[in-house]
């Protein structure tokens, strides 16, 4: 299962893990950086500055819940 790990950067605390958003869209063409960021902002409300928010794409094993791989290129190209 494709998912996104959301993080934010705080100057005092450094990088903070926010949570994991599972991907549920069936059409991959609808998945964009902005759509993931907007989803994260809608869940967090006004508490987080979206300019300091980023995500990593990860694959999660549906049986064990363990992360199978992390798409590190998404950090560079996003």
PDB file of N, CA and C in Angstrom:
ATOM      1  N   UNK A   1       0.843  -1.162   0.000  1.00  0.00           N
ATOM      2  CA  UNK A   1       0.000   0.000   0.000  1.00  0.00           C
ATOM      3  C   UNK A   1       0.896   1.235   0.000  1.00  0.00           C
ATOM      4  N   UNK A   2       0.596   2.185  -0.844  1.00  0.00           N
ATOM      5  CA  UNK A   2       1.322   3.441  -0.903  1.00  0.00           C
ATOM      6  C   UNK A   2       0.813   4.359   0.191  1.00  0.00           C
ATOM      7  N   UNK A   3       1.739   5.060   0.852  1.00  0.00           N
ATOM      8  CA  UNK A   3       1.373   5.996   1.910  1.00  0.00           C
ATOM      9  C   UNK A   3       2.369   7.150   1.900  1.00  0.00           C
ATOM     10  N   UNK A   4       2.066   8.163   2.690  1.00  0.00           N
ATOM     11  CA  UNK A   4       2.920   9.345   2.788  1.00  0.00           C
ATOM     12  C   UNK A   4       3.191   9.625   4.258  1.00  0.00           C
ATOM     13  N   UNK A   5       4.467   9.746   4.626  1.00  0.00           N
ATOM     14  CA  UNK A   5       4.840  10.161   5.976  1.00  0.00           C
ATOM     15  C   UNK A   5       4.985  11.675   5.946  1.00  0.00           C
ATOM     16  N   UNK A   6       4.215  12.364   6.774  1.00  0.00           N
ATOM     17  CA  UNK A   6       4.257  13.820   6.838  1.00  0.00           C
ATOM     18  C   UNK A   6       5.198  14.280   7.944  1.00  0.00           C
ATOM     19  N   UNK A   7       5.979  15.301   7.637  1.00  0.00           N
ATOM     20  CA  UNK A   7       6.907  15.891   8.592  1.00  0.00           C
ATOM     21  C   UNK A   7       6.788  17.399   8.525  1.00  0.00           C
ATOM     22  N   UNK A   8       7.195  18.048   9.593  1.00  0.00           N
ATOM     23  CA  UNK A   8       7.304  19.495   9.609  1.00  0.00           C
ATOM     24  C   UNK A   8       8.658  19.851  10.214  1.00  0.00           C
ATOM     25  N   UNK A   9       9.131  21.050   9.888  1.00  0.00           N
ATOM     26  CA  UNK A   9      10.402  21.502  10.437  1.00  0.00           C
ATOM     27  C   UNK A   9      10.132  22.688  11.347  1.00  0.00           C
ATOM     28  N   UNK A  10      10.621  22.572  12.576  1.00  0.00           N
ATOM     29  CA  UNK A  10      10.495  23.619  13.574  1.00  0.00           C
ATOM     30  C   UNK A  10      11.905  24.064  13.933  1.00  0.00           C
ATOM     31  N   UNK A  11      12.177  25.386  13.924  1.00  0.00           N
ATOM     32  CA  UNK A  11      13.534  25.865  14.175  1.00  0.00           C
ATOM     33  C   UNK A  11      14.059  25.464  15.547  1.00  0.00           C
ATOM     34  N   UNK A  12      13.182  25.355  16.532  1.00  0.00           N
ATOM     35  CA  UNK A  12      13.615  24.997  17.881  1.00  0.00           C
ATOM     36  C   UNK A  12      13.712  23.487  18.078  1.00  0.00           C
ATOM     37  N   UNK A  13      12.758  22.741  17.545  1.00  0.00           N
ATOM     38  CA  UNK A  13      12.690  21.300  17.779  1.00  0.00           C
ATOM     39  C   UNK A  13      13.271  20.457  16.654  1.00  0.00           C
ATOM     40  N   UNK A  14      13.502  21.059  15.492  1.00  0.00           N
ATOM     41  CA  UNK A  14      14.011  20.300  14.348  1.00  0.00           C
ATOM     42  C   UNK A  14      12.872  19.629  13.592  1.00  0.00           C
ATOM     43  N   UNK A  15      13.142  18.487  12.986  1.00  0.00           N
ATOM     44  CA  UNK A  15      12.136  17.764  12.207  1.00  0.00           C
ATOM     45  C   UNK A  15      11.193  17.006  13.135  1.00  0.00           C
ATOM     46  N   UNK A  16       9.895  17.142  12.887  1.00  0.00           N
ATOM     47  CA  UNK A  16       8.901  16.458  13.698  1.00  0.00           C
ATOM     48  C   UNK A  16       8.000  15.618  12.803  1.00  0.00           C
ATOM     49  N   UNK A  17       7.835  14.372  13.182  1.00  0.00           N
ATOM     50  CA  UNK A  17       6.950  13.467  12.472  1.00  0.00           C
ATOM     51  C   UNK A  17       5.508  13.825  12.819  1.00  0.00           C
ATOM     52  N   UNK A  18       4.659  13.979  11.794  1.00  0.00           N
ATOM     53  CA  UNK A  18       3.256  14.332  12.023  1.00  0.00           C
ATOM     54  C   UNK A  18       2.379  13.094  11.981  1.00  0.00           C
ATOM     55  N   UNK A  19       2.515  12.308  10.918  1.00  0.00           N
ATOM     56  CA  UNK A  19       1.687  11.123  10.793  1.00  0.00           C
ATOM     57  C   UNK A  19       1.810  10.499   9.426  1.00  0.00           C
ATOM     58  N   UNK A  20       1.022   9.459   9.185  1.00  0.00           N
ATOM     59  CA  UNK A  20       1.040   8.723   7.924  1.00  0.00           C
ATOM     60  C   UNK A  20      -0.324   8.852   7.261  1.00  0.00           C
ATOM     61  N   UNK A  21      -0.327   9.209   5.982  1.00  0.00           N
ATOM     62  CA  UNK A  21      -1.552   9.294   5.199  1.00  0.00           C
ATOM     63  C   UNK A  21      -1.563   8.152   4.188  1.00  0.00           C
ATOM     64  N   UNK A  22      -2.482   7.215   4.292  1.00  0.00           N
ATOM     65  CA  UNK A  22      -2.554   6.144   3.287  1.00  0.00           C
ATOM     66  C   UNK A  22      -3.164   6.664   1.991  1.00  0.00           C
ATOM     67  N   UNK A  23      -2.624   6.231   0.868  1.00  0.00           N
ATOM     68  CA  UNK A  23      -3.154   6.641  -0.439  1.00  0.00           C
ATOM     69  C   UNK A  23      -4.356   5.780  -0.776  1.00  0.00           C
ATOM     70  N   UNK A  24      -5.458   6.428  -1.122  1.00  0.00           N
ATOM     71  CA  UNK A  24      -6.676   5.692  -1.444  1.00  0.00           C
ATOM     72  C   UNK A  24      -7.177   5.967  -2.848  1.00  0.00           C
ATOM     73  N   UNK A  25      -6.561   6.898  -3.539  1.00  0.00           N
ATOM     74  CA  UNK A  25      -7.010   7.215  -4.897  1.00  0.00           C
ATOM     75  C   UNK A  25      -6.690   6.078  -5.844  1.00  0.00           C
ATOM     76  N   UNK A  26      -7.604   5.780  -6.709  1.00  0.00           N
ATOM     77  CA  UNK A  26      -7.439   4.679  -7.660  1.00  0.00           C
ATOM     78  C   UNK A  26      -6.778   5.139  -8.957  1.00  0.00           C
ATOM     79  N   UNK A  27      -6.834   6.435  -9.244  1.00  0.00           N
ATOM     80  CA  UNK A  27      -6.265   6.984 -10.464  1.00  0.00           C
ATOM     81  C   UNK A  27      -4.938   7.676 -10.143  1.00  0.00           C
ATOM     82  N   UNK A  28      -3.799   7.077 -10.519  1.00  0.00           N
ATOM     83  CA  UNK A  28      -2.499   7.665 -10.198  1.00  0.00           C
ATOM     84  C   UNK A  28      -2.286   9.066 -10.780  1.00  0.00           C
ATOM     85  N   UNK A  29      -2.969   9.392 -11.855  1.00  0.00           N
ATOM     86  CA  UNK A  29      -2.806  10.720 -12.465  1.00  0.00           C
ATOM     87  C   UNK A  29      -3.300  11.833 -11.538  1.00  0.00           C
ATOM     88  N   UNK A  30      -4.159  11.492 -10.591  1.00  0.00           N
ATOM     89  CA  UNK A  30      -4.686  12.489  -9.660  1.00  0.00           C
ATOM     90  C   UNK A  30      -3.739  12.758  -8.490  1.00  0.00           C
ATOM     91  N   UNK A  31      -2.706  11.939  -8.363  1.00  0.00           N
ATOM     92  CA  UNK A  31      -1.778  12.090  -7.241  1.00  0.00           C
ATOM     93  C   UNK A  31      -0.698  13.092  -7.627  1.00  0.00           C
ATOM     94  N   UNK A  32      -0.720  14.246  -6.975  1.00  0.00           N
ATOM     95  CA  UNK A  32       0.294  15.268  -7.200  1.00  0.00           C
ATOM     96  C   UNK A  32       0.852  15.713  -5.860  1.00  0.00           C
ATOM     97  N   UNK A  33       1.954  16.418  -5.899  1.00  0.00           N
ATOM     98  CA  UNK A  33       2.544  16.962  -4.672  1.00  0.00           C
ATOM     99  C   UNK A  33       1.526  17.854  -3.971  1.00  0.00           C
ATOM    100  N   UNK A  34       0.872  18.720  -4.738  1.00  0.00           N
ATOM    101  CA  UNK A  34      -0.095  19.642  -4.143  1.00  0.00           C
ATOM    102  C   UNK A  34      -1.279  18.917  -3.520  1.00  0.00           C
ATOM    103  N   UNK A  35      -1.741  17.831  -4.159  1.00  0.00           N
ATOM    104  CA  UNK A  35      -2.886  17.114  -3.602  1.00  0.00           C
ATOM    105  C   UNK A  35      -2.533  16.470  -2.263  1.00  0.00           C
ATOM    106  N   UNK A  36      -1.310  15.948  -2.141  1.00  0.00           N
ATOM    107  CA  UNK A  36      -0.887  15.346  -0.875  1.00  0.00           C
ATOM    108  C   UNK A  36      -0.730  16.432   0.191  1.00  0.00           C
ATOM    109  N   UNK A  37      -0.121  17.550  -0.172  1.00  0.00           N
ATOM    110  CA  UNK A  37       0.066  18.653   0.778  1.00  0.00           C
ATOM    111  C   UNK A  37      -1.281  19.225   1.225  1.00  0.00           C
ATOM    112  N   UNK A  38      -2.217  19.371   0.307  1.00  0.00           N
ATOM    113  CA  UNK A  38      -3.543  19.889   0.668  1.00  0.00           C
ATOM    114  C   UNK A  38      -4.269  18.936   1.605  1.00  0.00           C
ATOM    115  N   UNK A  39      -4.114  17.637   1.374  1.00  0.00           N
ATOM    116  CA  UNK A  39      -4.714  16.637   2.249  1.00  0.00           C
ATOM    117  C   UNK A  39      -4.122  16.758   3.655  1.00  0.00           C
ATOM    118  N   UNK A  40      -2.819  16.881   3.725  1.00  0.00           N
ATOM    119  CA  UNK A  40      -2.159  17.045   5.020  1.00  0.00           C
ATOM    120  C   UNK A  40      -2.604  18.308   5.727  1.00  0.00           C
ATOM    121  N   UNK A  41      -2.696  19.425   4.992  1.00  0.00           N
ATOM    122  CA  UNK A  41      -3.143  20.686   5.588  1.00  0.00           C
ATOM    123  C   UNK A  41      -4.575  20.587   6.088  1.00  0.00           C
ATOM    124  N   UNK A  42      -5.436  19.895   5.340  1.00  0.00           N
ATOM    125  CA  UNK A  42      -6.830  19.784   5.765  1.00  0.00           C
ATOM    126  C   UNK A  42      -6.954  18.960   7.049  1.00  0.00           C
ATOM    127  N   UNK A  43      -6.084  17.973   7.228  1.00  0.00           N
ATOM    128  CA  UNK A  43      -6.112  17.177   8.449  1.00  0.00           C
ATOM    129  C   UNK A  43      -5.540  17.927   9.648  1.00  0.00           C
ATOM    130  N   UNK A  44      -4.551  18.788   9.398  1.00  0.00           N
ATOM    131  CA  UNK A  44      -3.867  19.482  10.481  1.00  0.00           C
ATOM    132  C   UNK A  44      -4.500  20.813  10.845  1.00  0.00           C
ATOM    133  N   UNK A  45      -5.305  21.349   9.953  1.00  0.00           N
ATOM    134  CA  UNK A  45      -5.906  22.655  10.210  1.00  0.00           C
ATOM    135  C   UNK A  45      -4.875  23.757  10.108  1.00  0.00           C
ATOM    136  N   UNK A  46      -5.049  24.798  10.878  1.00  0.00           N
ATOM    137  CA  UNK A  46      -4.151  25.944  10.824  1.00  0.00           C
ATOM    138  C   UNK A  46      -2.978  25.855  11.764  1.00  0.00           C
ATOM    139  N   UNK A  47      -2.752  24.692  12.363  1.00  0.00           N
ATOM    140  CA  UNK A  47      -1.692  24.559  13.369  1.00  0.00           C
ATOM    141  C   UNK A  47      -0.292  24.471  12.793  1.00  0.00           C
ATOM    142  N   UNK A  48      -0.162  24.115  11.527  1.00  0.00           N
ATOM    143  CA  UNK A  48       1.157  23.897  10.934  1.00  0.00           C
ATOM    144  C   UNK A  48       1.363  24.828   9.750  1.00  0.00           C
ATOM    145  N   UNK A  49       2.548  25.412   9.678  1.00  0.00           N
ATOM    146  CA  UNK A  49       2.912  26.243   8.530  1.00  0.00           C
ATOM    147  C   UNK A  49       3.253  25.315   7.370  1.00  0.00           C
ATOM    148  N   UNK A  50       2.442  25.335   6.336  1.00  0.00           N
ATOM    149  CA  UNK A  50       2.618  24.387   5.230  1.00  0.00           C
ATOM    150  C   UNK A  50       3.925  24.613   4.470  1.00  0.00           C
ATOM    151  N   UNK A  51       4.532  25.783   4.599  1.00  0.00           N
ATOM    152  CA  UNK A  51       5.812  26.012   3.932  1.00  0.00           C
ATOM    153  C   UNK A  51       6.918  25.176   4.557  1.00  0.00           C
ATOM    154  N   UNK A  52       6.729  24.751   5.800  1.00  0.00           N
ATOM    155  CA  UNK A  52       7.718  23.933   6.500  1.00  0.00           C
ATOM    156  C   UNK A  52       7.308  22.462   6.563  1.00  0.00           C
ATOM    157  N   UNK A  53       6.294  22.082   5.797  1.00  0.00           N
ATOM    158  CA  UNK A  53       5.808  20.713   5.804  1.00  0.00           C
ATOM    159  C   UNK A  53       6.311  19.985   4.559  1.00  0.00           C
ATOM    160  N   UNK A  54       6.654  18.708   4.702  1.00  0.00           N
ATOM    161  CA  UNK A  54       7.055  17.900   3.555  1.00  0.00           C
ATOM    162  C   UNK A  54       6.644  16.465   3.811  1.00  0.00           C
ATOM    163  N   UNK A  55       6.744  15.624   2.796  1.00  0.00           N
ATOM    164  CA  UNK A  55       6.357  14.228   2.948  1.00  0.00           C
ATOM    165  C   UNK A  55       7.326  13.318   2.224  1.00  0.00           C
ATOM    166  N   UNK A  56       7.327  12.047   2.645  1.00  0.00           N
ATOM    167  CA  UNK A  56       8.070  10.983   1.976  1.00  0.00           C
ATOM    168  C   UNK A  56       7.062   9.947   1.521  1.00  0.00           C
ATOM    169  N   UNK A  57       7.237   9.447   0.314  1.00  0.00           N
ATOM    170  CA  UNK A  57       6.419   8.329  -0.160  1.00  0.00           C
ATOM    171  C   UNK A  57       7.001   7.047   0.409  1.00  0.00           C
ATOM    172  N   UNK A  58       6.137   6.188   0.930  1.00  0.00           N
ATOM    173  CA  UNK A  58       6.580   4.905   1.466  1.00  0.00           C
ATOM    174  C   UNK A  58       5.605   3.824   1.020  1.00  0.00           C
ATOM    175  N   UNK A  59       6.077   2.596   0.983  1.00  0.00           N
ATOM    176  CA  UNK A  59       5.204   1.447   0.726  1.00  0.00           C
ATOM    177  C   UNK A  59       5.095   0.669   2.025  1.00  0.00           C
ATOM    178  N   UNK A  60       3.866   0.338   2.401  1.00  0.00           N
ATOM    179  CA  UNK A  60       3.615  -0.366   3.649  1.00  0.00           C
ATOM    180  C   UNK A  60       3.027  -1.733   3.336  1.00  0.00           C
ATOM    181  N   UNK A  61       3.574  -2.763   3.963  1.00  0.00           N
ATOM    182  CA  UNK A  61       3.043  -4.117   3.812  1.00  0.00           C
ATOM    183  C   UNK A  61       1.683  -4.170   4.492  1.00  0.00           C
ATOM    184  N   UNK A  62       0.661  -4.567   3.763  1.00  0.00           N
ATOM    185  CA  UNK A  62      -0.699  -4.549   4.306  1.00  0.00           C
ATOM    186  C   UNK A  62      -0.914  -5.594   5.399  1.00  0.00           C
ATOM    187  N   UNK A  63      -0.116  -6.645   5.432  1.00  0.00           N
ATOM    188  CA  UNK A  63      -0.280  -7.666   6.472  1.00  0.00           C
ATOM    189  C   UNK A  63       0.476  -7.321   7.750  1.00  0.00           C
ATOM    190  N   UNK A  64       1.730  -6.937   7.612  1.00  0.00           N
ATOM    191  CA  UNK A  64       2.555  -6.687   8.798  1.00  0.00           C
ATOM    192  C   UNK A  64       2.524  -5.230   9.248  1.00  0.00           C
ATOM    193  N   UNK A  65       2.197  -4.298   8.331  1.00  0.00           N
ATOM    194  CA  UNK A  65       2.226  -2.881   8.674  1.00  0.00           C
ATOM    195  C   UNK A  65       3.619  -2.281   8.648  1.00  0.00           C
ATOM    196  N   UNK A  66       4.602  -3.069   8.216  1.00  0.00           N
ATOM    197  CA  UNK A  66       5.986  -2.596   8.164  1.00  0.00           C
ATOM    198  C   UNK A  66       6.245  -1.839   6.870  1.00  0.00           C
ATOM    199  N   UNK A  67       7.147  -0.884   6.943  1.00  0.00           N
ATOM    200  CA  UNK A  67       7.533  -0.121   5.751  1.00  0.00           C
ATOM    201  C   UNK A  67       8.455  -0.980   4.905  1.00  0.00           C
ATOM    202  N   UNK A  68       8.094  -1.150   3.629  1.00  0.00           N
ATOM    203  CA  UNK A  68       8.879  -1.971   2.710  1.00  0.00           C
ATOM    204  C   UNK A  68       9.962  -1.150   2.015  1.00  0.00           C
ATOM    205  N   UNK A  69       9.632   0.064   1.615  1.00  0.00           N
ATOM    206  CA  UNK A  69      10.607   0.931   0.971  1.00  0.00           C
ATOM    207  C   UNK A  69      10.203   2.382   1.131  1.00  0.00           C
ATOM    208  N   UNK A  70      11.195   3.245   0.989  1.00  0.00           N
ATOM    209  CA  UNK A  70      10.994   4.695   1.061  1.00  0.00           C
ATOM    210  C   UNK A  70      11.494   5.281  -0.242  1.00  0.00           C
ATOM    211  N   UNK A  71      10.695   6.143  -0.833  1.00  0.00           N
ATOM    212  CA  UNK A  71      11.075   6.816  -2.081  1.00  0.00           C
ATOM    213  C   UNK A  71      11.804   8.102  -1.734  1.00  0.00           C
ATOM    214  N   UNK A  72      13.136   8.034  -1.577  1.00  0.00           N
ATOM    215  CA  UNK A  72      13.912   9.195  -1.201  1.00  0.00           C
ATOM    216  C   UNK A  72      13.967  10.239  -2.312  1.00  0.00           C
ATOM    217  N   UNK A  73      13.781   9.827  -3.559  1.00  0.00           N
ATOM    218  CA  UNK A  73      13.774  10.796  -4.645  1.00  0.00           C
ATOM    219  C   UNK A  73      12.591  11.743  -4.534  1.00  0.00           C
ATOM    220  N   UNK A  74      11.510  11.318  -3.890  1.00  0.00           N
ATOM    221  CA  UNK A  74      10.365  12.207  -3.728  1.00  0.00           C
ATOM    222  C   UNK A  74      10.734  13.422  -2.873  1.00  0.00           C
ATOM    223  N   UNK A  75      11.733  13.292  -2.006  1.00  0.00           N
ATOM    224  CA  UNK A  75      12.168  14.427  -1.210  1.00  0.00           C
ATOM    225  C   UNK A  75      12.894  15.451  -2.048  1.00  0.00           C
ATOM    226  N   UNK A  76      13.592  14.995  -3.068  1.00  0.00           N
ATOM    227  CA  UNK A  76      14.364  15.890  -3.923  1.00  0.00           C
ATOM    228  C   UNK A  76      13.486  16.532  -4.987  1.00  0.00           C
ATOM    229  N   UNK A  77      12.668  15.719  -5.650  1.00  0.00           N
ATOM    230  CA  UNK A  77      11.890  16.224  -6.776  1.00  0.00           C
ATOM    231  C   UNK A  77      10.598  16.897  -6.375  1.00  0.00           C
ATOM    232  N   UNK A  78      10.130  16.667  -5.167  1.00  0.00           N
ATOM    233  CA  UNK A  78       8.897  17.292  -4.733  1.00  0.00           C
ATOM    234  C   UNK A  78       9.224  18.670  -4.276  1.00  0.00           C
TER     235      UNK A  78
END
